[in-house]
C-alpha atoms as a PDB file:
ATOM      1  CA  UNK A   1     141.178  32.126  76.741  1.00  0.00           C
ATOM      2  CA  UNK A   2     143.141  28.707  76.722  1.00  0.00           C
ATOM      3  CA  UNK A   3     142.808  25.916  78.447  1.00  0.00           C
ATOM      4  CA  UNK A   4     145.904  26.297  80.268  1.00  0.00           C
ATOM      5  CA  UNK A   5     145.471  29.757  81.448  1.00  0.00           C
ATOM      6  CA  UNK A   6     141.957  28.621  82.383  1.00  0.00           C
ATOM      7  CA  UNK A   7     143.999  26.282  84.686  1.00  0.00           C
ATOM      8  CA  UNK A   8     145.902  29.041  86.752  1.00  0.00           C
ATOM      9  CA  UNK A   9     144.217  29.595  89.850  1.00  0.00           C
ATOM     10  CA  UNK A  10     143.647  34.039  91.031  1.00  0.00           C
ATOM     11  CA  UNK A  11     144.199  34.934  94.794  1.00  0.00           C
ATOM     12  CA  UNK A  12     142.108  37.478  96.121  1.00  0.00           C
ATOM     13  CA  UNK A  13     142.719  38.667  99.000  1.00  0.00           C
ATOM     14  CA  UNK A  14     140.359  40.990 101.728  1.00  0.00           C
ATOM     15  CA  UNK A  15     141.507  42.674 104.245  1.00  0.00           C
ATOM     16  CA  UNK A  16     138.440  42.510 106.637  1.00  0.00           C
ATOM     17  CA  UNK A  17     138.031  45.579 109.587  1.00  0.00           C
ATOM     18  CA  UNK A  18     134.798  47.108 110.394  1.00  0.00           C
ATOM     19  CA  UNK A  19     133.147  46.105 106.856  1.00  0.00           C
ATOM     20  CA  UNK A  20     129.284  44.373 107.957  1.00  0.00           C
ATOM     21  CA  UNK A  21     127.458  46.802 106.086  1.00  0.00           C
ATOM     22  CA  UNK A  22     129.267  45.945 102.503  1.00  0.00           C
ATOM     23  CA  UNK A  23     131.065  42.789 102.607  1.00  0.00           C
ATOM     24  CA  UNK A  24     128.350  40.994 101.315  1.00  0.00           C
ATOM     25  CA  UNK A  25     128.030  42.419  98.482  1.00  0.00           C
ATOM     26  CA  UNK A  26     131.487  42.798  98.191  1.00  0.00           C
ATOM     27  CA  UNK A  27     131.925  38.793  98.411  1.00  0.00           C
ATOM     28  CA  UNK A  28     129.046  38.147  96.124  1.00  0.00           C
ATOM     29  CA  UNK A  29     130.451  39.968  93.216  1.00  0.00           C
ATOM     30  CA  UNK A  30     133.798  37.951  93.200  1.00  0.00           C
ATOM     31  CA  UNK A  31     132.184  34.380  93.770  1.00  0.00           C
ATOM     32  CA  UNK A  32     130.367  35.837  90.466  1.00  0.00           C
ATOM     33  CA  UNK A  33     132.845  36.363  88.102  1.00  0.00           C
ATOM     34  CA  UNK A  34     133.231  34.320  84.323  1.00  0.00           C
ATOM     35  CA  UNK A  35     136.842  33.336  85.577  1.00  0.00           C
ATOM     36  CA  UNK A  36     135.796  30.466  87.684  1.00  0.00           C
ATOM     37  CA  UNK A  37     138.954  28.902  89.347  1.00  0.00           C
ATOM     38  CA  UNK A  38     139.565  31.255  92.298  1.00  0.00           C
ATOM     39  CA  UNK A  39     140.094  31.385  95.472  1.00  0.00           C
ATOM     40  CA  UNK A  40     139.359  33.929  97.934  1.00  0.00           C
ATOM     41  CA  UNK A  41     141.834  34.437 101.387  1.00  0.00           C
ATOM     42  CA  UNK A  42     139.513  36.979 103.706  1.00  0.00           C
ATOM     43  CA  UNK A  43     141.853  38.558 106.427  1.00  0.00           C
ATOM     44  CA  UNK A  44     140.183  39.412 109.224  1.00  0.00           C
ATOM     45  CA  UNK A  45     141.956  41.849 110.686  1.00  0.00           C
ATOM     46  CA  UNK A  46     140.182  41.390 114.394  1.00  0.00           C
ATOM     47  CA  UNK A  47     136.782  42.935 113.118  1.00  0.00           C
ATOM     48  CA  UNK A  48     134.910  44.220 116.187  1.00  0.00           C
ATOM     49  CA  UNK A  49     132.099  44.364 114.414  1.00  0.00           C
ATOM     50  CA  UNK A  50     130.051  41.047 113.045  1.00  0.00           C
ATOM     51  CA  UNK A  51     132.087  41.124 109.882  1.00  0.00           C
ATOM     52  CA  UNK A  52     133.360  37.873 109.862  1.00  0.00           C
ATOM     53  CA  UNK A  53     129.896  36.300 110.780  1.00  0.00           C
ATOM     54  CA  UNK A  54     128.546  37.768 107.348  1.00  0.00           C
ATOM     55  CA  UNK A  55     131.405  36.383 105.227  1.00  0.00           C
ATOM     56  CA  UNK A  56     131.143  32.601 107.339  1.00  0.00           C
ATOM     57  CA  UNK A  57     127.444  32.819 106.489  1.00  0.00           C
ATOM     58  CA  UNK A  58     128.651  31.338 102.645  1.00  0.00           C
ATOM     59  CA  UNK A  59     129.133  28.004 102.203  1.00  0.00           C
ATOM     60  CA  UNK A  60     131.073  28.473  98.640  1.00  0.00           C
ATOM     61  CA  UNK A  61     134.514  26.513  99.372  1.00  0.00           C
ATOM     62  CA  UNK A  62     136.551  28.871  97.558  1.00  0.00           C
ATOM     63  CA  UNK A  63     136.299  31.329 100.304  1.00  0.00           C
ATOM     64  CA  UNK A  64     139.211  30.912 102.952  1.00  0.00           C
ATOM     65  CA  UNK A  65     139.060  33.109 106.176  1.00  0.00           C
ATOM     66  CA  UNK A  66     142.034  33.845 108.196  1.00  0.00           C
ATOM     67  CA  UNK A  67     142.224  35.756 111.225  1.00  0.00           C
ATOM     68  CA  UNK A  68     145.168  37.513 113.246  1.00  0.00           C
ATOM     69  CA  UNK A  69     146.170  39.905 115.579  1.00  0.00           C
ATOM     70  CA  UNK A  70     145.006  43.760 113.997  1.00  0.00           C
ATOM     71  CA  UNK A  71     147.837  44.595 111.429  1.00  0.00           C
ATOM     72  CA  UNK A  72     146.485  47.178 109.502  1.00  0.00           C
ATOM     73  CA  UNK A  73     145.559  47.060 105.928  1.00  0.00           C
ATOM     74  CA  UNK A  74     149.234  46.622 104.678  1.00  0.00           C
ATOM     75  CA  UNK A  75     149.545  43.619 107.234  1.00  0.00           C
ATOM     76  CA  UNK A  76     146.411  42.058 106.037  1.00  0.00           C
ATOM     77  CA  UNK A  77     147.429  41.902 102.444  1.00  0.00           C
ATOM     78  CA  UNK A  78     150.821  40.702 103.265  1.00  0.00           C
ATOM     79  CA  UNK A  79     149.341  37.652 105.594  1.00  0.00           C
ATOM     80  CA  UNK A  80     146.756  36.995 102.215  1.00  0.00           C
ATOM     81  CA  UNK A  81     149.923  37.082  99.617  1.00  0.00           C
ATOM     82  CA  UNK A  82     151.424  34.143 102.412  1.00  0.00           C
ATOM     83  CA  UNK A  83     148.583  32.233 102.031  1.00  0.00           C
ATOM     84  CA  UNK A  84     147.905  32.525  98.475  1.00  0.00           C
ATOM     85  CA  UNK A  85     147.823  29.228  96.030  1.00  0.00           C
ATOM     86  CA  UNK A  86     147.294  31.062  93.091  1.00  0.00           C
ATOM     87  CA  UNK A  87     149.716  32.447  89.764  1.00  0.00           C
ATOM     88  CA  UNK A  88     147.653  35.868  89.752  1.00  0.00           C
ATOM     89  CA  UNK A  89     147.350  37.947  93.277  1.00  0.00           C
ATOM     90  CA  UNK A  90     144.139  40.159  93.193  1.00  0.00           C
ATOM     91  CA  UNK A  91     143.229  43.050  96.328  1.00  0.00           C
ATOM     92  CA  UNK A  92     139.755  43.606  97.093  1.00  0.00           C
ATOM     93  CA  UNK A  93     138.795  46.015  99.364  1.00  0.00           C
ATOM     94  CA  UNK A  94     135.802  44.918 101.387  1.00  0.00           C
ATOM     95  CA  UNK A  95     133.237  48.290 100.435  1.00  0.00           C
ATOM     96  CA  UNK A  96     134.060  47.654  96.977  1.00  0.00           C
ATOM     97  CA  UNK A  97     132.112  45.788  93.722  1.00  0.00           C
ATOM     98  CA  UNK A  98     133.099  44.235  90.743  1.00  0.00           C
ATOM     99  CA  UNK A  99     131.685  43.707  87.369  1.00  0.00           C
ATOM    100  CA  UNK A 100     131.561  39.885  86.594  1.00  0.00           C
ATOM    101  CA  UNK A 101     134.142  40.211  84.022  1.00  0.00           C
ATOM    102  CA  UNK A 102     137.143  41.806  85.631  1.00  0.00           C
ATOM    103  CA  UNK A 103     138.923  38.978  86.169  1.00  0.00           C
ATOM    104  CA  UNK A 104     138.811  37.270  82.998  1.00  0.00           C
ATOM    105  CA  UNK A 105     139.514  40.563  81.639  1.00  0.00           C
ATOM    106  CA  UNK A 106     142.974  41.160  83.134  1.00  0.00           C
ATOM    107  CA  UNK A 107     143.726  37.699  83.504  1.00  0.00           C
ATOM    108  CA  UNK A 108     143.644  37.654  79.622  1.00  0.00           C
ATOM    109  CA  UNK A 109     145.183  41.139  79.617  1.00  0.00           C
ATOM    110  CA  UNK A 110     148.493  39.484  81.302  1.00  0.00           C
ATOM    111  CA  UNK A 111     148.437  36.413  79.609  1.00  0.00           C
ATOM    112  CA  UNK A 112     148.561  38.182  76.132  1.00  0.00           C
ATOM    113  CA  UNK A 113     151.514  40.463  77.216  1.00  0.00           C
ATOM    114  CA  UNK A 114     153.981  38.478  79.024  1.00  0.00           C
ATOM    115  CA  UNK A 115     156.215  41.618  79.812  1.00  0.00           C
ATOM    116  CA  UNK A 116     153.184  42.965  82.055  1.00  0.00           C
ATOM    117  CA  UNK A 117     152.569  42.468  85.954  1.00  0.00           C
ATOM    118  CA  UNK A 118     150.171  44.542  87.131  1.00  0.00           C
ATOM    119  CA  UNK A 119     146.892  45.253  84.928  1.00  0.00           C
ATOM    120  CA  UNK A 120     144.803  47.604  86.674  1.00  0.00           C
ATOM    121  CA  UNK A 121     140.722  49.150  85.245  1.00  0.00           C
ATOM    122  CA  UNK A 122     139.131  52.005  85.417  1.00  0.00           C
ATOM    123  CA  UNK A 123     136.861  52.467  88.091  1.00  0.00           C
ATOM    124  CA  UNK A 124     133.049  53.919  88.572  1.00  0.00           C
ATOM    125  CA  UNK A 125     132.257  55.512  91.864  1.00  0.00           C
ATOM    126  CA  UNK A 126     129.127  54.488  93.453  1.00  0.00           C
ATOM    127  CA  UNK A 127     127.448  55.745  97.085  1.00  0.00           C
ATOM    128  CA  UNK A 128     126.635  53.940 100.403  1.00  0.00           C
ATOM    129  CA  UNK A 129     123.411  52.441  98.548  1.00  0.00           C
ATOM    130  CA  UNK A 130     125.121  51.295  95.170  1.00  0.00           C
ATOM    131  CA  UNK A 131     123.693  54.124  93.425  1.00  0.00           C
ATOM    132  CA  UNK A 132     126.029  55.050  90.407  1.00  0.00           C
ATOM    133  CA  UNK A 133     128.022  58.765  90.678  1.00  0.00           C
ATOM    134  CA  UNK A 134     128.154  59.181  87.607  1.00  0.00           C
ATOM    135  CA  UNK A 135     131.727  60.216  87.765  1.00  0.00           C
ATOM    136  CA  UNK A 136     134.708  57.782  87.110  1.00  0.00           C
ATOM    137  CA  UNK A 137     138.318  57.381  87.703  1.00  0.00           C
ATOM    138  CA  UNK A 138     139.820  58.262  84.789  1.00  0.00           C
ATOM    139  CA  UNK A 139     143.605  56.804  84.428  1.00  0.00           C
ATOM    140  CA  UNK A 140     146.380  57.166  82.371  1.00  0.00           C
ATOM    141  CA  UNK A 141     146.487  53.277  80.999  1.00  0.00           C
ATOM    142  CA  UNK A 142     150.298  52.989  79.294  1.00  0.00           C
ATOM    143  CA  UNK A 143     153.605  53.532  79.636  1.00  0.00           C
ATOM    144  CA  UNK A 144     153.336  53.817  82.881  1.00  0.00           C
ATOM    145  CA  UNK A 145     156.909  55.425  84.966  1.00  0.00           C
ATOM    146  CA  UNK A 146     157.742  55.759  88.574  1.00  0.00           C
ATOM    147  CA  UNK A 147     156.756  59.077  88.422  1.00  0.00           C
ATOM    148  CA  UNK A 148     153.802  58.885  86.859  1.00  0.00           C
ATOM    149  CA  UNK A 149     152.929  56.157  90.412  1.00  0.00           C
ATOM    150  CA  UNK A 150     154.524  59.326  92.443  1.00  0.00           C
ATOM    151  CA  UNK A 151     152.118  62.002  90.963  1.00  0.00           C
ATOM    152  CA  UNK A 152     149.161  60.562  90.624  1.00  0.00           C
ATOM    153  CA  UNK A 153     149.476  57.010  90.678  1.00  0.00           C
ATOM    154  CA  UNK A 154     147.071  54.627  88.059  1.00  0.00           C
ATOM    155  CA  UNK A 155     146.138  52.340  89.772  1.00  0.00           C
ATOM    156  CA  UNK A 156     143.576  54.731  91.642  1.00  0.00           C
ATOM    157  CA  UNK A 157     142.036  52.340  94.339  1.00  0.00           C
ATOM    158  CA  UNK A 158     143.120  48.891  96.353  1.00  0.00           C
ATOM    159  CA  UNK A 159     140.365  47.098  94.198  1.00  0.00           C
ATOM    160  CA  UNK A 160     141.606  47.875  90.600  1.00  0.00           C
ATOM    161  CA  UNK A 161     144.633  45.738  90.000  1.00  0.00           C
ATOM    162  CA  UNK A 162     145.597  41.910  89.284  1.00  0.00           C
ATOM    163  CA  UNK A 163     149.199  41.086  89.402  1.00  0.00           C
ATOM    164  CA  UNK A 164     151.458  38.561  88.426  1.00  0.00           C
ATOM    165  CA  UNK A 165     152.455  36.978  91.713  1.00  0.00           C
ATOM    166  CA  UNK A 166     155.381  36.599  90.365  1.00  0.00           C
ATOM    167  CA  UNK A 167     155.461  40.176  90.686  1.00  0.00           C
ATOM    168  CA  UNK A 168     155.525  39.756  94.535  1.00  0.00           C
ATOM    169  CA  UNK A 169     158.390  36.727  94.578  1.00  0.00           C
ATOM    170  CA  UNK A 170     160.243  39.756  93.123  1.00  0.00           C
ATOM    171  CA  UNK A 171     160.141  42.286  95.191  1.00  0.00           C
ATOM    172  CA  UNK A 172     159.352  40.292  98.713  1.00  0.00           C
ATOM    173  CA  UNK A 173     162.017  41.050 101.535  1.00  0.00           C
ATOM    174  CA  UNK A 174     162.520  39.513 105.002  1.00  0.00           C
ATOM    175  CA  UNK A 175     161.585  41.627 108.603  1.00  0.00           C
ATOM    176  CA  UNK A 176     161.225  40.962 112.084  1.00  0.00           C
ATOM    177  CA  UNK A 177     158.086  43.437 113.106  1.00  0.00           C
ATOM    178  CA  UNK A 178     155.957  40.988 115.145  1.00  0.00           C
ATOM    179  CA  UNK A 179     158.504  38.904 117.900  1.00  0.00           C
ATOM    180  CA  UNK A 180     159.194  36.501 114.182  1.00  0.00           C
ATOM    181  CA  UNK A 181     160.734  36.285 110.845  1.00  0.00           C
ATOM    182  CA  UNK A 182     158.360  36.315 107.606  1.00  0.00           C
ATOM    183  CA  UNK A 183     158.580  37.782 104.300  1.00  0.00           C
ATOM    184  CA  UNK A 184     156.362  41.282 103.610  1.00  0.00           C
ATOM    185  CA  UNK A 185     155.499  42.706 100.193  1.00  0.00           C
ATOM    186  CA  UNK A 186     153.649  45.858 101.374  1.00  0.00           C
ATOM    187  CA  UNK A 187     155.366  47.890 104.063  1.00  0.00           C
ATOM    188  CA  UNK A 188     153.624  47.409 107.393  1.00  0.00           C
ATOM    189  CA  UNK A 189     155.157  50.231 108.751  1.00  0.00           C
ATOM    190  CA  UNK A 190     153.290  52.910 106.484  1.00  0.00           C
ATOM    191  CA  UNK A 191     149.550  53.823 106.639  1.00  0.00           C
ATOM    192  CA  UNK A 192     147.607  55.581 103.794  1.00  0.00           C
ATOM    193  CA  UNK A 193     150.752  55.092 101.388  1.00  0.00           C
ATOM    194  CA  UNK A 194     151.153  51.803 101.776  1.00  0.00           C
ATOM    195  CA  UNK A 195     149.559  51.137  98.328  1.00  0.00           C
ATOM    196  CA  UNK A 196     152.222  53.888  96.255  1.00  0.00           C
ATOM    197  CA  UNK A 197     154.900  52.571  97.870  1.00  0.00           C
ATOM    198  CA  UNK A 198     154.763  49.047  97.230  1.00  0.00           C
ATOM    199  CA  UNK A 199     153.568  49.955  93.505  1.00  0.00           C
ATOM    200  CA  UNK A 200     156.788  52.301  93.117  1.00  0.00           C
ATOM    201  CA  UNK A 201     158.627  49.934  94.461  1.00  0.00           C
ATOM    202  CA  UNK A 202     157.485  47.258  91.990  1.00  0.00           C
ATOM    203  CA  UNK A 203     158.255  49.805  89.235  1.00  0.00           C
ATOM    204  CA  UNK A 204     161.920  50.928  90.645  1.00  0.00           C
ATOM    205  CA  UNK A 205     163.245  47.640  91.145  1.00  0.00           C
ATOM    206  CA  UNK A 206     161.465  44.979  88.654  1.00  0.00           C
ATOM    207  CA  UNK A 207     161.803  44.643  84.923  1.00  0.00           C
ATOM    208  CA  UNK A 208     157.672  44.294  85.173  1.00  0.00           C
ATOM    209  CA  UNK A 209     155.182  46.835  83.149  1.00  0.00           C
ATOM    210  CA  UNK A 210     152.196  48.476  84.231  1.00  0.00           C
ATOM    211  CA  UNK A 211     149.159  48.612  82.208  1.00  0.00           C
ATOM    212  CA  UNK A 212     145.529  49.650  82.488  1.00  0.00           C
ATOM    213  CA  UNK A 213     142.034  48.519  80.658  1.00  0.00           C
ATOM    214  CA  UNK A 214     139.883  51.033  79.281  1.00  0.00           C
ATOM    215  CA  UNK A 215     136.591  50.359  80.967  1.00  0.00           C
ATOM    216  CA  UNK A 216     135.842  50.662  84.391  1.00  0.00           C
ATOM    217  CA  UNK A 217     135.188  47.197  85.593  1.00  0.00           C
ATOM    218  CA  UNK A 218     135.400  47.922  89.409  1.00  0.00           C
ATOM    219  CA  UNK A 219     132.694  49.573  91.198  1.00  0.00           C
ATOM    220  CA  UNK A 220     134.570  52.030  94.116  1.00  0.00           C
ATOM    221  CA  UNK A 221     132.119  53.119  97.365  1.00  0.00           C
ATOM    222  CA  UNK A 222     132.350  56.479  97.945  1.00  0.00           C
ATOM    223  CA  UNK A 223     131.248  56.847 101.781  1.00  0.00           C
ATOM    224  CA  UNK A 224     131.079  59.437 104.863  1.00  0.00           C
ATOM    225  CA  UNK A 225     133.373  57.182 106.706  1.00  0.00           C
ATOM    226  CA  UNK A 226     135.805  57.092 104.136  1.00  0.00           C
ATOM    227  CA  UNK A 227     136.441  61.158 104.248  1.00  0.00           C
ATOM    228  CA  UNK A 228     136.658  61.549 107.915  1.00  0.00           C
ATOM    229  CA  UNK A 229     140.556  60.646 106.704  1.00  0.00           C
ATOM    230  CA  UNK A 230     142.984  62.951 108.582  1.00  0.00           C
ATOM    231  CA  UNK A 231     144.690  65.379 106.299  1.00  0.00           C
ATOM    232  CA  UNK A 232     147.733  66.238 107.576  1.00  0.00           C
ATOM    233  CA  UNK A 233     148.582  62.459 108.067  1.00  0.00           C
ATOM    234  CA  UNK A 234     148.118  62.359 104.535  1.00  0.00           C
ATOM    235  CA  UNK A 235     150.256  64.676 104.026  1.00  0.00           C
ATOM    236  CA  UNK A 236     153.149  63.231 106.245  1.00  0.00           C
ATOM    237  CA  UNK A 237     153.079  59.855 105.603  1.00  0.00           C
ATOM    238  CA  UNK A 238     153.111  60.571 101.888  1.00  0.00           C
ATOM    239  CA  UNK A 239     156.893  62.734 103.299  1.00  0.00           C
ATOM    240  CA  UNK A 240     157.878  59.311 104.797  1.00  0.00           C
ATOM    241  CA  UNK A 241     157.217  57.442 101.467  1.00  0.00           C
ATOM    242  CA  UNK A 242     159.536  60.097  99.646  1.00  0.00           C
ATOM    243  CA  UNK A 243     162.358  59.447 102.571  1.00  0.00           C
ATOM    244  CA  UNK A 244     162.161  55.869 101.674  1.00  0.00           C
ATOM    245  CA  UNK A 245     161.839  56.075  97.780  1.00  0.00           C
ATOM    246  CA  UNK A 246     164.918  58.105  97.843  1.00  0.00           C
ATOM    247  CA  UNK A 247     167.532  55.863 100.163  1.00  0.00           C
ATOM    248  CA  UNK A 248     167.333  53.298  96.911  1.00  0.00           C
ATOM    249  CA  UNK A 249     166.808  55.651  94.696  1.00  0.00           C
ATOM    250  CA  UNK A 250     168.335  58.852  94.950  1.00  0.00           C
ATOM    251  CA  UNK A 251     169.156  59.967  91.486  1.00  0.00           C
ATOM    252  CA  UNK A 252     165.523  59.715  90.837  1.00  0.00           C
ATOM    253  CA  UNK A 253     163.813  61.186  93.364  1.00  0.00           C
ATOM    254  CA  UNK A 254     166.223  64.337  93.167  1.00  0.00           C
ATOM    255  CA  UNK A 255     164.358  65.470  90.357  1.00  0.00           C
ATOM    256  CA  UNK A 256     161.003  63.610  90.893  1.00  0.00           C
ATOM    257  CA  UNK A 257     160.427  64.574  94.610  1.00  0.00           C
ATOM    258  CA  UNK A 258     159.431  68.088  93.927  1.00  0.00           C
ATOM    259  CA  UNK A 259     156.405  67.294  91.433  1.00  0.00           C
ATOM    260  CA  UNK A 260     155.668  63.919  93.225  1.00  0.00           C
ATOM    261  CA  UNK A 261     154.270  66.514  96.458  1.00  0.00           C
ATOM    262  CA  UNK A 262     153.131  69.003  94.392  1.00  0.00           C
ATOM    263  CA  UNK A 263     150.673  66.409  92.697  1.00  0.00           C
ATOM    264  CA  UNK A 264     149.756  64.754  96.257  1.00  0.00           C
ATOM    265  CA  UNK A 265     149.551  68.277  97.987  1.00  0.00           C
ATOM    266  CA  UNK A 266     146.609  69.042  95.186  1.00  0.00           C
ATOM    267  CA  UNK A 267     144.913  65.365  95.802  1.00  0.00           C
ATOM    268  CA  UNK A 268     144.581  66.288  99.486  1.00  0.00           C
ATOM    269  CA  UNK A 269     143.194  69.537  98.592  1.00  0.00           C
ATOM    270  CA  UNK A 270     140.253  67.669  96.745  1.00  0.00           C
ATOM    271  CA  UNK A 271     139.900  66.043  99.559  1.00  0.00           C
ATOM    272  CA  UNK A 272     139.717  69.284 101.968  1.00  0.00           C
ATOM    273  CA  UNK A 273     137.400  70.066  99.265  1.00  0.00           C
ATOM    274  CA  UNK A 274     135.289  67.174  99.396  1.00  0.00           C
ATOM    275  CA  UNK A 275     134.760  67.421 103.684  1.00  0.00           C
ATOM    276  CA  UNK A 276     133.819  71.425 102.992  1.00  0.00           C
ATOM    277  CA  UNK A 277     137.044  72.504 104.185  1.00  0.00           C
ATOM    278  CA  UNK A 278     137.437  75.386 101.534  1.00  0.00           C
ATOM    279  CA  UNK A 279     140.351  77.034 102.757  1.00  0.00           C
ATOM    280  CA  UNK A 280     142.458  74.620 103.511  1.00  0.00           C
ATOM    281  CA  UNK A 281     141.755  73.169 100.227  1.00  0.00           C
ATOM    282  CA  UNK A 282     143.183  76.442  98.977  1.00  0.00           C
ATOM    283  CA  UNK A 283     145.977  76.990 101.391  1.00  0.00           C
ATOM    284  CA  UNK A 284     146.768  73.572  99.890  1.00  0.00           C
ATOM    285  CA  UNK A 285     146.395  74.113  96.141  1.00  0.00           C
ATOM    286  CA  UNK A 286     149.236  77.718  97.073  1.00  0.00           C
ATOM    287  CA  UNK A 287     151.845  74.855  98.228  1.00  0.00           C
ATOM    288  CA  UNK A 288     151.602  72.625  95.394  1.00  0.00           C
ATOM    289  CA  UNK A 289     151.628  75.204  92.770  1.00  0.00           C
ATOM    290  CA  UNK A 290     154.696  76.709  94.670  1.00  0.00           C
ATOM    291  CA  UNK A 291     156.416  73.640  94.715  1.00  0.00           C
ATOM    292  CA  UNK A 292     156.024  72.774  91.137  1.00  0.00           C
ATOM    293  CA  UNK A 293     154.150  75.674  89.322  1.00  0.00           C
ATOM    294  CA  UNK A 294     154.408  73.279  86.363  1.00  0.00           C
ATOM    295  CA  UNK A 295     151.224  71.152  87.550  1.00  0.00           C
ATOM    296  CA  UNK A 296     149.177  74.126  85.823  1.00  0.00           C
ATOM    297  CA  UNK A 297     150.399  73.120  82.007  1.00  0.00           C
ATOM    298  CA  UNK A 298     150.723  69.589  82.986  1.00  0.00           C
ATOM    299  CA  UNK A 299     146.867  69.125  83.992  1.00  0.00           C
ATOM    300  CA  UNK A 300     145.314  72.373  83.345  1.00  0.00           C
ATOM    301  CA  UNK A 301     141.555  71.196  83.704  1.00  0.00           C
ATOM    302  CA  UNK A 302     142.040  69.466  87.349  1.00  0.00           C
ATOM    303  CA  UNK A 303     144.502  71.974  88.842  1.00  0.00           C
ATOM    304  CA  UNK A 304     141.406  74.281  87.464  1.00  0.00           C
ATOM    305  CA  UNK A 305     139.080  72.798  88.919  1.00  0.00           C
ATOM    306  CA  UNK A 306     140.052  72.187  92.326  1.00  0.00           C
ATOM    307  CA  UNK A 307     140.946  75.432  93.070  1.00  0.00           C
ATOM    308  CA  UNK A 308     137.311  76.535  91.269  1.00  0.00           C
ATOM    309  CA  UNK A 309     135.930  74.336  93.750  1.00  0.00           C
ATOM    310  CA  UNK A 310     137.828  75.426  96.853  1.00  0.00           C
ATOM    311  CA  UNK A 311     136.895  78.997  95.639  1.00  0.00           C
ATOM    312  CA  UNK A 312     133.103  78.953  95.530  1.00  0.00           C
ATOM    313  CA  UNK A 313     132.958  76.743  98.887  1.00  0.00           C
ATOM    314  CA  UNK A 314     135.139  79.658 100.496  1.00  0.00           C
ATOM    315  CA  UNK A 315     132.593  82.499  98.612  1.00  0.00           C
ATOM    316  CA  UNK A 316     129.034  81.437  97.914  1.00  0.00           C
ATOM    317  CA  UNK A 317     126.585  80.066 100.045  1.00  0.00           C
ATOM    318  CA  UNK A 318     126.210  75.926 101.004  1.00  0.00           C
ATOM    319  CA  UNK A 319     123.032  75.330  98.889  1.00  0.00           C
ATOM    320  CA  UNK A 320     124.146  77.282  95.835  1.00  0.00           C
ATOM    321  CA  UNK A 321     127.590  75.633  96.048  1.00  0.00           C
ATOM    322  CA  UNK A 322     125.477  71.798  95.918  1.00  0.00           C
ATOM    323  CA  UNK A 323     123.656  72.599  92.970  1.00  0.00           C
ATOM    324  CA  UNK A 324     126.742  74.396  91.380  1.00  0.00           C
ATOM    325  CA  UNK A 325     128.482  70.925  91.915  1.00  0.00           C
ATOM    326  CA  UNK A 326     125.890  68.615  90.971  1.00  0.00           C
ATOM    327  CA  UNK A 327     125.595  70.074  87.440  1.00  0.00           C
ATOM    328  CA  UNK A 328     129.811  70.873  87.219  1.00  0.00           C
ATOM    329  CA  UNK A 329     129.699  67.079  88.272  1.00  0.00           C
ATOM    330  CA  UNK A 330     126.985  65.745  85.298  1.00  0.00           C
ATOM    331  CA  UNK A 331     128.887  67.739  82.623  1.00  0.00           C
ATOM    332  CA  UNK A 332     132.165  65.506  83.617  1.00  0.00           C
ATOM    333  CA  UNK A 333     130.880  62.336  83.934  1.00  0.00           C
ATOM    334  CA  UNK A 334     129.322  62.683  80.548  1.00  0.00           C
ATOM    335  CA  UNK A 335     132.890  64.374  79.544  1.00  0.00           C
ATOM    336  CA  UNK A 336     134.989  61.266  81.358  1.00  0.00           C
ATOM    337  CA  UNK A 337     132.116  58.600  79.549  1.00  0.00           C
ATOM    338  CA  UNK A 338     133.032  59.672  76.056  1.00  0.00           C
ATOM    339  CA  UNK A 339     136.696  59.416  77.074  1.00  0.00           C
ATOM    340  CA  UNK A 340     136.316  56.107  77.818  1.00  0.00           C
ATOM    341  CA  UNK A 341     134.301  55.187  74.984  1.00  0.00           C
ATOM    342  CA  UNK A 342     136.929  56.664  72.947  1.00  0.00           C
ATOM    343  CA  UNK A 343     139.910  54.248  75.134  1.00  0.00           C
ATOM    344  CA  UNK A 344     137.896  51.221  74.668  1.00  0.00           C
ATOM    345  CA  UNK A 345     137.704  52.080  70.966  1.00  0.00           C
ATOM    346  CA  UNK A 346     141.073  52.070  70.627  1.00  0.00           C
ATOM    347  CA  UNK A 347     141.586  49.126  73.349  1.00  0.00           C
ATOM    348  CA  UNK A 348     139.676  47.298  70.532  1.00  0.00           C
ATOM    349  CA  UNK A 349     141.281  47.953  67.303  1.00  0.00           C
END
């Protein structure tokens, strides 16, 4: 990495709300980055716990805490971008962890590929005690299309990507949502689909490309609090996304909506399995296949896994299901690790 690149600042934005248990490790993982020229913008979204007090224990001058009335995840990210001084923008969920070399690898990726505006990585799952679960988010790494983002976004979570700030300059818009006009980047009126809405808008309205790194550089936390999401809300907000995208890309969405809906229904079915709602998962998989039967051919393994898990959850005793799930996850994890190793070799060649 040359001196010119090192001199460019990265802004890491952390929306903060009810993260007292995890924020210390999250923040420390950012401060421990090998890429040192960074600022950390913590956006306190009226967090009711002691999250802010935990952050205030850090004395690193690179940390800035911004307070605002509650605006949710999209609103917090928008506030962070407005305060960002860096040429790169990264978002970090307040319960995830980065490997020390993450920022350096992404910035090098962005600098050596001028057409890429969004660099993302795979992620490894960890539990509430930071224990690796042995499974990963395996995503497509190159030739990313808007349909890829709508169906199964390669940016697997909010802590996976690093952006050139110019990307957000290209998609900003003005609105008056809180009594005064501001620039917006994420759509504050979206919940649960705010990420995908933004990524799709970047892909459809700019020339910036998305590309990924094979290595899992983000540790994505799975915890019980995150499993209580209302599945119906997840489905409804995605329909809202399809409607908005159709307003400025009607021709594309005419052929994209059915597959995008089917893949999202499968995703929600997998969430239903995670919270032990087997019959609901089966209903969602039926709807998915009826919407777009080609999902079986295009992604047979994941579709079969989801149906099999839902069926087992419905017909076998819970202890046996848990044992079967444990064995299956070990097999999947080993296969994913082999896939990652192969992709890393290709990346290095």
